[in-house]
Amino acid sequence: MSSDNVAEQVKLHQETIASDSNSPLQLIREKELEISGRMLSAKRNADEVVADARKQAAEIVARAEAESGGGAKASSERIAADAAEEARSLREDAEQQAKALSEAIGARFDQAVDLVVDAVKA
């Protein structure tokens, strides 16, 4: 989800709150916005972790080449492969966490709707 899309959703959210803050649909929409924000944050964090891992890998390779001279190529390839594997692993972990959060939200969505509807009926 792009940041422009999130900004549009926040604007819609603010307009809707101004017009009808007790609507069950509004309460559901608020939860959707909250969930969207969490998922966007998780994706950003995953991207930052991958970028940091790549930067560290490049620094390690550069340092290894500077220190070892002729034998640096084999060493740097191994280091780069290790760093790439670590970055892949970190990204997979972040994606699994985002997926688990999404599944947990989906599993509780019906319960949330029922609670909102019951609260409005009361």
PDB file of N, CA and C in Angstrom:
ATOM      1  N   MET A   1       0.855  -1.165   0.000  1.00  0.00           N
ATOM      2  CA  MET A   1       0.000   0.000   0.000  1.00  0.00           C
ATOM      3  C   MET A   1       0.897   1.222   0.000  1.00  0.00           C
ATOM      4  N   SER A   2       0.668   2.138  -0.876  1.00  0.00           N
ATOM      5  CA  SER A   2       1.531   3.309  -0.995  1.00  0.00           C
ATOM      6  C   SER A   2       1.189   4.327   0.086  1.00  0.00           C
ATOM      7  N   SER A   3       2.146   5.205   0.359  1.00  0.00           N
ATOM      8  CA  SER A   3       1.921   6.227   1.371  1.00  0.00           C
ATOM      9  C   SER A   3       0.860   7.222   0.915  1.00  0.00           C
ATOM     10  N   ASP A   4       0.728   7.433  -0.411  1.00  0.00           N
ATOM     11  CA  ASP A   4      -0.333   8.309  -0.919  1.00  0.00           C
ATOM     12  C   ASP A   4      -1.694   7.709  -0.611  1.00  0.00           C
ATOM     13  N   ASN A   5      -1.806   6.402  -0.792  1.00  0.00           N
ATOM     14  CA  ASN A   5      -3.059   5.712  -0.519  1.00  0.00           C
ATOM     15  C   ASN A   5      -3.396   5.805   0.971  1.00  0.00           C
ATOM     16  N   VAL A   6      -2.403   5.640   1.824  1.00  0.00           N
ATOM     17  CA  VAL A   6      -2.630   5.747   3.257  1.00  0.00           C
ATOM     18  C   VAL A   6      -3.062   7.166   3.604  1.00  0.00           C
ATOM     19  N   ALA A   7      -2.433   8.163   2.987  1.00  0.00           N
ATOM     20  CA  ALA A   7      -2.809   9.553   3.243  1.00  0.00           C
ATOM     21  C   ALA A   7      -4.256   9.814   2.825  1.00  0.00           C
ATOM     22  N   GLU A   8      -4.655   9.258   1.689  1.00  0.00           N
ATOM     23  CA  GLU A   8      -6.042   9.410   1.242  1.00  0.00           C
ATOM     24  C   GLU A   8      -6.998   8.751   2.227  1.00  0.00           C
ATOM     25  N   GLN A   9      -6.613   7.580   2.724  1.00  0.00           N
ATOM     26  CA  GLN A   9      -7.468   6.885   3.680  1.00  0.00           C
ATOM     27  C   GLN A   9      -7.593   7.672   4.980  1.00  0.00           C
ATOM     28  N   VAL A  10      -6.500   8.271   5.429  1.00  0.00           N
ATOM     29  CA  VAL A  10      -6.539   9.071   6.647  1.00  0.00           C
ATOM     30  C   VAL A  10      -7.450  10.277   6.449  1.00  0.00           C
ATOM     31  N   LYS A  11      -7.363  10.930   5.289  1.00  0.00           N
ATOM     32  CA  LYS A  11      -8.225  12.083   5.006  1.00  0.00           C
ATOM     33  C   LYS A  11      -9.692  11.659   5.004  1.00  0.00           C
ATOM     34  N   LEU A  12      -9.993  10.538   4.345  1.00  0.00           N
ATOM     35  CA  LEU A  12     -11.358  10.017   4.330  1.00  0.00           C
ATOM     36  C   LEU A  12     -11.804   9.697   5.745  1.00  0.00           C
ATOM     37  N   HIS A  13     -10.910   9.125   6.509  1.00  0.00           N
ATOM     38  CA  HIS A  13     -11.194   8.775   7.893  1.00  0.00           C
ATOM     39  C   HIS A  13     -11.576  10.026   8.693  1.00  0.00           C
ATOM     40  N   GLN A  14     -10.804  11.102   8.551  1.00  0.00           N
ATOM     41  CA  GLN A  14     -11.069  12.333   9.278  1.00  0.00           C
ATOM     42  C   GLN A  14     -12.404  12.944   8.856  1.00  0.00           C
ATOM     43  N   GLU A  15     -12.699  12.912   7.558  1.00  0.00           N
ATOM     44  CA  GLU A  15     -13.968  13.452   7.071  1.00  0.00           C
ATOM     45  C   GLU A  15     -15.142  12.646   7.604  1.00  0.00           C
ATOM     46  N   THR A  16     -14.980  11.350   7.647  1.00  0.00           N
ATOM     47  CA  THR A  16     -16.056  10.485   8.118  1.00  0.00           C
ATOM     48  C   THR A  16     -16.288  10.677   9.606  1.00  0.00           C
ATOM     49  N   ILE A  17     -15.218  10.829  10.365  1.00  0.00           N
ATOM     50  CA  ILE A  17     -15.356  11.049  11.805  1.00  0.00           C
ATOM     51  C   ILE A  17     -16.132  12.335  12.060  1.00  0.00           C
ATOM     52  N   ALA A  18     -15.845  13.352  11.271  1.00  0.00           N
ATOM     53  CA  ALA A  18     -16.524  14.632  11.444  1.00  0.00           C
ATOM     54  C   ALA A  18     -18.023  14.500  11.198  1.00  0.00           C
ATOM     55  N   SER A  19     -18.421  13.582  10.312  1.00  0.00           N
ATOM     56  CA  SER A  19     -19.833  13.472   9.968  1.00  0.00           C
ATOM     57  C   SER A  19     -20.584  12.449  10.809  1.00  0.00           C
ATOM     58  N   ASP A  20     -19.956  11.335  11.190  1.00  0.00           N
ATOM     59  CA  ASP A  20     -20.684  10.288  11.910  1.00  0.00           C
ATOM     60  C   ASP A  20     -19.702   9.382  12.635  1.00  0.00           C
ATOM     61  N   SER A  21     -19.398   9.711  13.883  1.00  0.00           N
ATOM     62  CA  SER A  21     -18.359   8.962  14.587  1.00  0.00           C
ATOM     63  C   SER A  21     -18.866   7.703  15.275  1.00  0.00           C
ATOM     64  N   ASN A  22     -20.168   7.474  15.339  1.00  0.00           N
ATOM     65  CA  ASN A  22     -20.686   6.300  16.032  1.00  0.00           C
ATOM     66  C   ASN A  22     -21.171   5.221  15.082  1.00  0.00           C
ATOM     67  N   SER A  23     -21.017   5.411  13.823  1.00  0.00           N
ATOM     68  CA  SER A  23     -21.485   4.449  12.832  1.00  0.00           C
ATOM     69  C   SER A  23     -20.700   3.146  12.927  1.00  0.00           C
ATOM     70  N   PRO A  24     -21.382   1.988  12.843  1.00  0.00           N
ATOM     71  CA  PRO A  24     -20.662   0.706  12.837  1.00  0.00           C
ATOM     72  C   PRO A  24     -19.683   0.634  11.673  1.00  0.00           C
ATOM     73  N   LEU A  25     -20.096   1.165  10.539  1.00  0.00           N
ATOM     74  CA  LEU A  25     -19.193   1.158   9.391  1.00  0.00           C
ATOM     75  C   LEU A  25     -17.966   2.023   9.664  1.00  0.00           C
ATOM     76  N   GLN A  26     -18.173   3.124  10.354  1.00  0.00           N
ATOM     77  CA  GLN A  26     -17.051   3.992  10.703  1.00  0.00           C
ATOM     78  C   GLN A  26     -16.096   3.279  11.644  1.00  0.00           C
ATOM     79  N   LEU A  27     -16.636   2.570  12.620  1.00  0.00           N
ATOM     80  CA  LEU A  27     -15.781   1.843  13.557  1.00  0.00           C
ATOM     81  C   LEU A  27     -14.995   0.754  12.837  1.00  0.00           C
ATOM     82  N   ILE A  28     -15.629   0.087  11.904  1.00  0.00           N
ATOM     83  CA  ILE A  28     -14.948  -0.932  11.103  1.00  0.00           C
ATOM     84  C   ILE A  28     -13.860  -0.272  10.263  1.00  0.00           C
ATOM     85  N   ARG A  29     -14.177   0.853   9.664  1.00  0.00           N
ATOM     86  CA  ARG A  29     -13.211   1.568   8.821  1.00  0.00           C
ATOM     87  C   ARG A  29     -11.990   2.000   9.646  1.00  0.00           C
ATOM     88  N   GLU A  30     -12.238   2.440  10.884  1.00  0.00           N
ATOM     89  CA  GLU A  30     -11.129   2.822  11.748  1.00  0.00           C
ATOM     90  C   GLU A  30     -10.192   1.642  11.981  1.00  0.00           C
ATOM     91  N   LYS A  31     -10.770   0.472  12.233  1.00  0.00           N
ATOM     92  CA  LYS A  31      -9.948  -0.726  12.434  1.00  0.00           C
ATOM     93  C   LYS A  31      -9.185  -1.069  11.158  1.00  0.00           C
ATOM     94  N   GLU A  32      -9.829  -0.948  10.012  1.00  0.00           N
ATOM     95  CA  GLU A  32      -9.148  -1.219   8.740  1.00  0.00           C
ATOM     96  C   GLU A  32      -7.957  -0.282   8.563  1.00  0.00           C
ATOM     97  N   LEU A  33      -8.134   0.995   8.887  1.00  0.00           N
ATOM     98  CA  LEU A  33      -7.044   1.961   8.768  1.00  0.00           C
ATOM     99  C   LEU A  33      -5.907   1.627   9.728  1.00  0.00           C
ATOM    100  N   GLU A  34      -6.272   1.234  10.928  1.00  0.00           N
ATOM    101  CA  GLU A  34      -5.254   0.855  11.910  1.00  0.00           C
ATOM    102  C   GLU A  34      -4.446  -0.338  11.404  1.00  0.00           C
ATOM    103  N   ILE A  35      -5.134  -1.330  10.877  1.00  0.00           N
ATOM    104  CA  ILE A  35      -4.482  -2.531  10.355  1.00  0.00           C
ATOM    105  C   ILE A  35      -3.607  -2.177   9.156  1.00  0.00           C
ATOM    106  N   SER A  36      -4.117  -1.341   8.264  1.00  0.00           N
ATOM    107  CA  SER A  36      -3.334  -0.926   7.098  1.00  0.00           C
ATOM    108  C   SER A  36      -2.054  -0.224   7.534  1.00  0.00           C
ATOM    109  N   GLY A  37      -2.161   0.604   8.527  1.00  0.00           N
ATOM    110  CA  GLY A  37      -0.985   1.300   9.041  1.00  0.00           C
ATOM    111  C   GLY A  37       0.035   0.340   9.626  1.00  0.00           C
ATOM    112  N   ARG A  38      -0.442  -0.648  10.358  1.00  0.00           N
ATOM    113  CA  ARG A  38       0.474  -1.640  10.931  1.00  0.00           C
ATOM    114  C   ARG A  38       1.176  -2.433   9.843  1.00  0.00           C
ATOM    115  N   MET A  39       0.428  -2.835   8.822  1.00  0.00           N
ATOM    116  CA  MET A  39       1.033  -3.622   7.750  1.00  0.00           C
ATOM    117  C   MET A  39       2.050  -2.785   6.978  1.00  0.00           C
ATOM    118  N   LEU A  40       1.728  -1.524   6.709  1.00  0.00           N
ATOM    119  CA  LEU A  40       2.668  -0.640   6.018  1.00  0.00           C
ATOM    120  C   LEU A  40       3.930  -0.449   6.856  1.00  0.00           C
ATOM    121  N   SER A  41       3.754  -0.292   8.157  1.00  0.00           N
ATOM    122  CA  SER A  41       4.900  -0.142   9.052  1.00  0.00           C
ATOM    123  C   SER A  41       5.767  -1.396   9.046  1.00  0.00           C
ATOM    124  N   ALA A  42       5.145  -2.576   9.072  1.00  0.00           N
ATOM    125  CA  ALA A  42       5.907  -3.833   9.044  1.00  0.00           C
ATOM    126  C   ALA A  42       6.689  -3.960   7.742  1.00  0.00           C
ATOM    127  N   LYS A  43       6.073  -3.568   6.637  1.00  0.00           N
ATOM    128  CA  LYS A  43       6.765  -3.644   5.346  1.00  0.00           C
ATOM    129  C   LYS A  43       7.939  -2.675   5.316  1.00  0.00           C
ATOM    130  N   ARG A  44       7.724  -1.467   5.811  1.00  0.00           N
ATOM    131  CA  ARG A  44       8.816  -0.486   5.853  1.00  0.00           C
ATOM    132  C   ARG A  44       9.971  -1.002   6.708  1.00  0.00           C
ATOM    133  N   ASN A  45       9.631  -1.584   7.851  1.00  0.00           N
ATOM    134  CA  ASN A  45      10.675  -2.126   8.723  1.00  0.00           C
ATOM    135  C   ASN A  45      11.445  -3.233   8.019  1.00  0.00           C
ATOM    136  N   ALA A  46      10.742  -4.104   7.315  1.00  0.00           N
ATOM    137  CA  ALA A  46      11.405  -5.192   6.584  1.00  0.00           C
ATOM    138  C   ALA A  46      12.331  -4.618   5.517  1.00  0.00           C
ATOM    139  N   ASP A  47      11.860  -3.617   4.805  1.00  0.00           N
ATOM    140  CA  ASP A  47      12.692  -2.991   3.770  1.00  0.00           C
ATOM    141  C   ASP A  47      13.930  -2.331   4.374  1.00  0.00           C
ATOM    142  N   GLU A  48      13.763  -1.707   5.537  1.00  0.00           N
ATOM    143  CA  GLU A  48      14.907  -1.078   6.201  1.00  0.00           C
ATOM    144  C   GLU A  48      15.930  -2.125   6.637  1.00  0.00           C
ATOM    145  N   VAL A  49      15.443  -3.253   7.153  1.00  0.00           N
ATOM    146  CA  VAL A  49      16.345  -4.326   7.584  1.00  0.00           C
ATOM    147  C   VAL A  49      17.143  -4.845   6.395  1.00  0.00           C
ATOM    148  N   VAL A  50      16.464  -5.055   5.275  1.00  0.00           N
ATOM    149  CA  VAL A  50      17.142  -5.546   4.073  1.00  0.00           C
ATOM    150  C   VAL A  50      18.164  -4.519   3.583  1.00  0.00           C
ATOM    151  N   ALA A  51      17.790  -3.255   3.570  1.00  0.00           N
ATOM    152  CA  ALA A  51      18.717  -2.208   3.121  1.00  0.00           C
ATOM    153  C   ALA A  51      19.939  -2.136   4.036  1.00  0.00           C
ATOM    154  N   ASP A  52      19.712  -2.229   5.340  1.00  0.00           N
ATOM    155  CA  ASP A  52      20.842  -2.211   6.276  1.00  0.00           C
ATOM    156  C   ASP A  52      21.753  -3.417   6.064  1.00  0.00           C
ATOM    157  N   ALA A  53      21.160  -4.589   5.854  1.00  0.00           N
ATOM    158  CA  ALA A  53      21.960  -5.800   5.629  1.00  0.00           C
ATOM    159  C   ALA A  53      22.790  -5.670   4.355  1.00  0.00           C
ATOM    160  N   ARG A  54      22.210  -5.109   3.315  1.00  0.00           N
ATOM    161  CA  ARG A  54      22.950  -4.913   2.064  1.00  0.00           C
ATOM    162  C   ARG A  54      24.099  -3.922   2.254  1.00  0.00           C
ATOM    163  N   LYS A  55      23.826  -2.867   2.997  1.00  0.00           N
ATOM    164  CA  LYS A  55      24.868  -1.869   3.250  1.00  0.00           C
ATOM    165  C   LYS A  55      26.017  -2.494   4.035  1.00  0.00           C
ATOM    166  N   GLN A  56      25.679  -3.275   5.051  1.00  0.00           N
ATOM    167  CA  GLN A  56      26.715  -3.938   5.843  1.00  0.00           C
ATOM    168  C   GLN A  56      27.505  -4.914   4.985  1.00  0.00           C
ATOM    169  N   ALA A  57      26.822  -5.633   4.116  1.00  0.00           N
ATOM    170  CA  ALA A  57      27.504  -6.584   3.231  1.00  0.00           C
ATOM    171  C   ALA A  57      28.489  -5.860   2.324  1.00  0.00           C
ATOM    172  N   ALA A  58      28.066  -4.733   1.777  1.00  0.00           N
ATOM    173  CA  ALA A  58      28.954  -3.963   0.898  1.00  0.00           C
ATOM    174  C   ALA A  58      30.169  -3.458   1.670  1.00  0.00           C
ATOM    175  N   GLU A  59      29.952  -3.016   2.902  1.00  0.00           N
ATOM    176  CA  GLU A  59      31.067  -2.545   3.718  1.00  0.00           C
ATOM    177  C   GLU A  59      32.032  -3.686   4.044  1.00  0.00           C
ATOM    178  N   ILE A  60      31.493  -4.845   4.357  1.00  0.00           N
ATOM    179  CA  ILE A  60      32.331  -6.008   4.666  1.00  0.00           C
ATOM    180  C   ILE A  60      33.151  -6.407   3.447  1.00  0.00           C
ATOM    181  N   VAL A  61      32.508  -6.425   2.288  1.00  0.00           N
ATOM    182  CA  VAL A  61      33.212  -6.784   1.052  1.00  0.00           C
ATOM    183  C   VAL A  61      34.326  -5.783   0.773  1.00  0.00           C
ATOM    184  N   ALA A  62      34.032  -4.512   0.903  1.00  0.00           N
ATOM    185  CA  ALA A  62      35.043  -3.485   0.638  1.00  0.00           C
ATOM    186  C   ALA A  62      36.214  -3.615   1.611  1.00  0.00           C
ATOM    187  N   ARG A  63      35.906  -3.851   2.862  1.00  0.00           N
ATOM    188  CA  ARG A  63      36.961  -3.998   3.866  1.00  0.00           C
ATOM    189  C   ARG A  63      37.795  -5.253   3.597  1.00  0.00           C
ATOM    190  N   ALA A  64      37.122  -6.341   3.238  1.00  0.00           N
ATOM    191  CA  ALA A  64      37.829  -7.593   2.950  1.00  0.00           C
ATOM    192  C   ALA A  64      38.748  -7.430   1.746  1.00  0.00           C
ATOM    193  N   GLU A  65      38.276  -6.756   0.715  1.00  0.00           N
ATOM    194  CA  GLU A  65      39.106  -6.533  -0.473  1.00  0.00           C
ATOM    195  C   GLU A  65      40.320  -5.680  -0.137  1.00  0.00           C
ATOM    196  N   ALA A  66      40.117  -4.681   0.675  1.00  0.00           N
ATOM    197  CA  ALA A  66      41.220  -3.793   1.042  1.00  0.00           C
ATOM    198  C   ALA A  66      42.260  -4.517   1.895  1.00  0.00           C
ATOM    199  N   GLU A  67      41.811  -5.416   2.757  1.00  0.00           N
ATOM    200  CA  GLU A  67      42.723  -6.098   3.674  1.00  0.00           C
ATOM    201  C   GLU A  67      43.458  -7.271   3.034  1.00  0.00           C
ATOM    202  N   SER A  68      42.810  -7.990   2.143  1.00  0.00           N
ATOM    203  CA  SER A  68      43.413  -9.238   1.673  1.00  0.00           C
ATOM    204  C   SER A  68      44.013  -9.179   0.281  1.00  0.00           C
ATOM    205  N   GLY A  69      43.771  -8.172  -0.471  1.00  0.00           N
ATOM    206  CA  GLY A  69      44.368  -8.039  -1.796  1.00  0.00           C
ATOM    207  C   GLY A  69      43.951  -9.143  -2.743  1.00  0.00           C
ATOM    208  N   GLY A  70      44.925  -9.995  -3.198  1.00  0.00           N
ATOM    209  CA  GLY A  70      44.669 -11.011  -4.227  1.00  0.00           C
ATOM    210  C   GLY A  70      43.658 -12.065  -3.832  1.00  0.00           C
ATOM    211  N   GLY A  71      43.604 -12.490  -2.577  1.00  0.00           N
ATOM    212  CA  GLY A  71      42.661 -13.531  -2.145  1.00  0.00           C
ATOM    213  C   GLY A  71      41.295 -12.977  -1.790  1.00  0.00           C
ATOM    214  N   ALA A  72      41.095 -11.711  -2.046  1.00  0.00           N
ATOM    215  CA  ALA A  72      39.852 -11.059  -1.643  1.00  0.00           C
ATOM    216  C   ALA A  72      38.645 -11.527  -2.436  1.00  0.00           C
ATOM    217  N   LYS A  73      38.846 -11.910  -3.682  1.00  0.00           N
ATOM    218  CA  LYS A  73      37.694 -12.246  -4.511  1.00  0.00           C
ATOM    219  C   LYS A  73      36.912 -13.416  -3.927  1.00  0.00           C
ATOM    220  N   ALA A  74      37.590 -14.504  -3.605  1.00  0.00           N
ATOM    221  CA  ALA A  74      36.899 -15.670  -3.045  1.00  0.00           C
ATOM    222  C   ALA A  74      36.276 -15.330  -1.701  1.00  0.00           C
ATOM    223  N   SER A  75      37.025 -14.598  -0.893  1.00  0.00           N
ATOM    224  CA  SER A  75      36.526 -14.216   0.419  1.00  0.00           C
ATOM    225  C   SER A  75      35.325 -13.282   0.303  1.00  0.00           C
ATOM    226  N   SER A  76      35.422 -12.317  -0.588  1.00  0.00           N
ATOM    227  CA  SER A  76      34.325 -11.362  -0.737  1.00  0.00           C
ATOM    228  C   SER A  76      33.080 -12.025  -1.298  1.00  0.00           C
ATOM    229  N   GLU A  77      33.257 -12.983  -2.195  1.00  0.00           N
ATOM    230  CA  GLU A  77      32.095 -13.699  -2.729  1.00  0.00           C
ATOM    231  C   GLU A  77      31.403 -14.487  -1.626  1.00  0.00           C
ATOM    232  N   ARG A  78      32.200 -15.117  -0.762  1.00  0.00           N
ATOM    233  CA  ARG A  78      31.629 -15.866   0.355  1.00  0.00           C
ATOM    234  C   ARG A  78      30.907 -14.921   1.314  1.00  0.00           C
ATOM    235  N   ILE A  79      31.548 -13.811   1.624  1.00  0.00           N
ATOM    236  CA  ILE A  79      30.946 -12.832   2.531  1.00  0.00           C
ATOM    237  C   ILE A  79      29.670 -12.256   1.927  1.00  0.00           C
ATOM    238  N   ALA A  80      29.708 -11.934   0.643  1.00  0.00           N
ATOM    239  CA  ALA A  80      28.520 -11.394  -0.027  1.00  0.00           C
ATOM    240  C   ALA A  80      27.401 -12.422  -0.026  1.00  0.00           C
ATOM    241  N   ALA A  81      27.746 -13.690  -0.270  1.00  0.00           N
ATOM    242  CA  ALA A  81      26.728 -14.746  -0.257  1.00  0.00           C
ATOM    243  C   ALA A  81      26.133 -14.896   1.137  1.00  0.00           C
ATOM    244  N   ASP A  82      26.981 -14.845   2.165  1.00  0.00           N
ATOM    245  CA  ASP A  82      26.489 -14.928   3.541  1.00  0.00           C
ATOM    246  C   ASP A  82      25.578 -13.748   3.870  1.00  0.00           C
ATOM    247  N   ALA A  83      25.984 -12.558   3.457  1.00  0.00           N
ATOM    248  CA  ALA A  83      25.178 -11.362   3.719  1.00  0.00           C
ATOM    249  C   ALA A  83      23.855 -11.420   2.963  1.00  0.00           C
ATOM    250  N   ALA A  84      23.898 -11.901   1.724  1.00  0.00           N
ATOM    251  CA  ALA A  84      22.662 -12.023   0.942  1.00  0.00           C
ATOM    252  C   ALA A  84      21.724 -13.033   1.590  1.00  0.00           C
ATOM    253  N   GLU A  85      22.271 -14.122   2.096  1.00  0.00           N
ATOM    254  CA  GLU A  85      21.449 -15.133   2.773  1.00  0.00           C
ATOM    255  C   GLU A  85      20.841 -14.561   4.050  1.00  0.00           C
ATOM    256  N   GLU A  86      21.627 -13.800   4.788  1.00  0.00           N
ATOM    257  CA  GLU A  86      21.109 -13.175   6.003  1.00  0.00           C
ATOM    258  C   GLU A  86      19.999 -12.175   5.664  1.00  0.00           C
ATOM    259  N   ALA A  87      20.196 -11.389   4.624  1.00  0.00           N
ATOM    260  CA  ALA A  87      19.173 -10.425   4.201  1.00  0.00           C
ATOM    261  C   ALA A  87      17.905 -11.152   3.775  1.00  0.00           C
ATOM    262  N   ARG A  88      18.063 -12.248   3.021  1.00  0.00           N
ATOM    263  CA  ARG A  88      16.905 -13.028   2.592  1.00  0.00           C
ATOM    264  C   ARG A  88      16.164 -13.585   3.804  1.00  0.00           C
ATOM    265  N   SER A  89      16.914 -14.105   4.757  1.00  0.00           N
ATOM    266  CA  SER A  89      16.320 -14.672   5.962  1.00  0.00           C
ATOM    267  C   SER A  89      15.572 -13.605   6.762  1.00  0.00           C
ATOM    268  N   LEU A  90      16.176 -12.427   6.908  1.00  0.00           N
ATOM    269  CA  LEU A  90      15.527 -11.334   7.634  1.00  0.00           C
ATOM    270  C   LEU A  90      14.246 -10.889   6.934  1.00  0.00           C
ATOM    271  N   ARG A  91      14.297 -10.814   5.607  1.00  0.00           N
ATOM    272  CA  ARG A  91      13.107 -10.405   4.863  1.00  0.00           C
ATOM    273  C   ARG A  91      12.001 -11.452   5.002  1.00  0.00           C
ATOM    274  N   GLU A  92      12.362 -12.734   4.928  1.00  0.00           N
ATOM    275  CA  GLU A  92      11.367 -13.796   5.098  1.00  0.00           C
ATOM    276  C   GLU A  92      10.727 -13.718   6.477  1.00  0.00           C
ATOM    277  N   ASP A  93      11.546 -13.499   7.505  1.00  0.00           N
ATOM    278  CA  ASP A  93      11.011 -13.379   8.859  1.00  0.00           C
ATOM    279  C   ASP A  93      10.034 -12.211   8.957  1.00  0.00           C
ATOM    280  N   ALA A  94      10.402 -11.074   8.387  1.00  0.00           N
ATOM    281  CA  ALA A  94       9.527  -9.900   8.425  1.00  0.00           C
ATOM    282  C   ALA A  94       8.235 -10.161   7.659  1.00  0.00           C
ATOM    283  N   GLU A  95       8.333 -10.828   6.513  1.00  0.00           N
ATOM    284  CA  GLU A  95       7.135 -11.139   5.736  1.00  0.00           C
ATOM    285  C   GLU A  95       6.249 -12.126   6.484  1.00  0.00           C
ATOM    286  N   GLN A  96       6.848 -13.100   7.170  1.00  0.00           N
ATOM    287  CA  GLN A  96       6.066 -14.056   7.948  1.00  0.00           C
ATOM    288  C   GLN A  96       5.360 -13.357   9.101  1.00  0.00           C
ATOM    289  N   GLN A  97       6.042 -12.415   9.734  1.00  0.00           N
ATOM    290  CA  GLN A  97       5.415 -11.668  10.817  1.00  0.00           C
ATOM    291  C   GLN A  97       4.250 -10.832  10.297  1.00  0.00           C
ATOM    292  N   ALA A  98       4.432 -10.197   9.150  1.00  0.00           N
ATOM    293  CA  ALA A  98       3.352  -9.403   8.554  1.00  0.00           C
ATOM    294  C   ALA A  98       2.184 -10.306   8.171  1.00  0.00           C
ATOM    295  N   LYS A  99       2.471 -11.485   7.626  1.00  0.00           N
ATOM    296  CA  LYS A  99       1.420 -12.428   7.251  1.00  0.00           C
ATOM    297  C   LYS A  99       0.677 -12.915   8.488  1.00  0.00           C
ATOM    298  N   ALA A 100       1.411 -13.223   9.554  1.00  0.00           N
ATOM    299  CA  ALA A 100       0.783 -13.682  10.788  1.00  0.00           C
ATOM    300  C   ALA A 100      -0.122 -12.596  11.362  1.00  0.00           C
ATOM    301  N   LEU A 101       0.333 -11.350  11.312  1.00  0.00           N
ATOM    302  CA  LEU A 101      -0.486 -10.239  11.785  1.00  0.00           C
ATOM    303  C   LEU A 101      -1.741 -10.109  10.946  1.00  0.00           C
ATOM    304  N   SER A 102      -1.597 -10.216   9.648  1.00  0.00           N
ATOM    305  CA  SER A 102      -2.746 -10.127   8.750  1.00  0.00           C
ATOM    306  C   SER A 102      -3.737 -11.251   9.019  1.00  0.00           C
ATOM    307  N   GLU A 103      -3.232 -12.470   9.230  1.00  0.00           N
ATOM    308  CA  GLU A 103      -4.110 -13.605   9.512  1.00  0.00           C
ATOM    309  C   GLU A 103      -4.819 -13.433  10.849  1.00  0.00           C
ATOM    310  N   ALA A 104      -4.096 -12.927  11.842  1.00  0.00           N
ATOM    311  CA  ALA A 104      -4.705 -12.702  13.147  1.00  0.00           C
ATOM    312  C   ALA A 104      -5.810 -11.654  13.045  1.00  0.00           C
ATOM    313  N   ILE A 105      -5.557 -10.636  12.271  1.00  0.00           N
ATOM    314  CA  ILE A 105      -6.559  -9.588  12.072  1.00  0.00           C
ATOM    315  C   ILE A 105      -7.767 -10.161  11.350  1.00  0.00           C
ATOM    316  N   GLY A 106      -7.522 -10.941  10.317  1.00  0.00           N
ATOM    317  CA  GLY A 106      -8.619 -11.555   9.573  1.00  0.00           C
ATOM    318  C   GLY A 106      -9.439 -12.483  10.442  1.00  0.00           C
ATOM    319  N   ALA A 107      -8.767 -13.224  11.323  1.00  0.00           N
ATOM    320  CA  ALA A 107      -9.464 -14.161  12.193  1.00  0.00           C
ATOM    321  C   ALA A 107     -10.348 -13.426  13.194  1.00  0.00           C
ATOM    322  N   ARG A 108      -9.953 -12.242  13.584  1.00  0.00           N
ATOM    323  CA  ARG A 108     -10.720 -11.504  14.588  1.00  0.00           C
ATOM    324  C   ARG A 108     -11.663 -10.466  13.984  1.00  0.00           C
ATOM    325  N   PHE A 109     -11.639 -10.306  12.684  1.00  0.00           N
ATOM    326  CA  PHE A 109     -12.445  -9.275  12.039  1.00  0.00           C
ATOM    327  C   PHE A 109     -13.934  -9.500  12.292  1.00  0.00           C
ATOM    328  N   ASP A 110     -14.400 -10.738  12.104  1.00  0.00           N
ATOM    329  CA  ASP A 110     -15.819 -11.028  12.315  1.00  0.00           C
ATOM    330  C   ASP A 110     -16.226 -10.753  13.757  1.00  0.00           C
ATOM    331  N   GLN A 111     -15.357 -11.102  14.697  1.00  0.00           N
ATOM    332  CA  GLN A 111     -15.652 -10.827  16.101  1.00  0.00           C
ATOM    333  C   GLN A 111     -15.747  -9.324  16.339  1.00  0.00           C
ATOM    334  N   ALA A 112     -14.863  -8.575  15.729  1.00  0.00           N
ATOM    335  CA  ALA A 112     -14.882  -7.120  15.888  1.00  0.00           C
ATOM    336  C   ALA A 112     -16.167  -6.530  15.322  1.00  0.00           C
ATOM    337  N   VAL A 113     -16.579  -7.021  14.170  1.00  0.00           N
ATOM    338  CA  VAL A 113     -17.820  -6.540  13.560  1.00  0.00           C
ATOM    339  C   VAL A 113     -18.990  -6.847  14.478  1.00  0.00           C
ATOM    340  N   ASP A 114     -19.050  -8.077  15.014  1.00  0.00           N
ATOM    341  CA  ASP A 114     -20.133  -8.453  15.927  1.00  0.00           C
ATOM    342  C   ASP A 114     -20.144  -7.557  17.159  1.00  0.00           C
ATOM    343  N   LEU A 115     -18.980  -7.271  17.723  1.00  0.00           N
ATOM    344  CA  LEU A 115     -18.914  -6.405  18.896  1.00  0.00           C
ATOM    345  C   LEU A 115     -19.396  -4.991  18.582  1.00  0.00           C
ATOM    346  N   VAL A 116     -19.009  -4.483  17.439  1.00  0.00           N
ATOM    347  CA  VAL A 116     -19.429  -3.135  17.048  1.00  0.00           C
ATOM    348  C   VAL A 116     -20.938  -3.094  16.841  1.00  0.00           C
ATOM    349  N   VAL A 117     -21.459  -4.089  16.143  1.00  0.00           N
ATOM    350  CA  VAL A 117     -22.904  -4.133  15.891  1.00  0.00           C
ATOM    351  C   VAL A 117     -23.654  -4.264  17.206  1.00  0.00           C
ATOM    352  N   ASP A 118     -23.194  -5.135  18.115  1.00  0.00           N
ATOM    353  CA  ASP A 118     -23.838  -5.291  19.418  1.00  0.00           C
ATOM    354  C   ASP A 118     -23.780  -3.992  20.216  1.00  0.00           C
ATOM    355  N   ALA A 119     -22.654  -3.284  20.136  1.00  0.00           N
ATOM    356  CA  ALA A 119     -22.511  -2.023  20.858  1.00  0.00           C
ATOM    357  C   ALA A 119     -23.469  -0.968  20.313  1.00  0.00           C
ATOM    358  N   VAL A 120     -23.655  -0.962  19.017  1.00  0.00           N
ATOM    359  CA  VAL A 120     -24.556   0.014  18.407  1.00  0.00           C
ATOM    360  C   VAL A 120     -26.002  -0.316  18.747  1.00  0.00           C
ATOM    361  N   LYS A 121     -26.329  -1.603  18.783  1.00  0.00           N
ATOM    362  CA  LYS A 121     -27.695  -2.029  19.104  1.00  0.00           C
ATOM    363  C   LYS A 121     -28.058  -1.699  20.549  1.00  0.00           C
ATOM    364  N   ALA A 122     -27.065  -1.726  21.437  1.00  0.00           N
ATOM    365  CA  ALA A 122     -27.330  -1.552  22.874  1.00  0.00           C
ATOM    366  C   ALA A 122     -27.704  -0.140  23.227  1.00  0.00           C
TER     367      ALA A 122
END
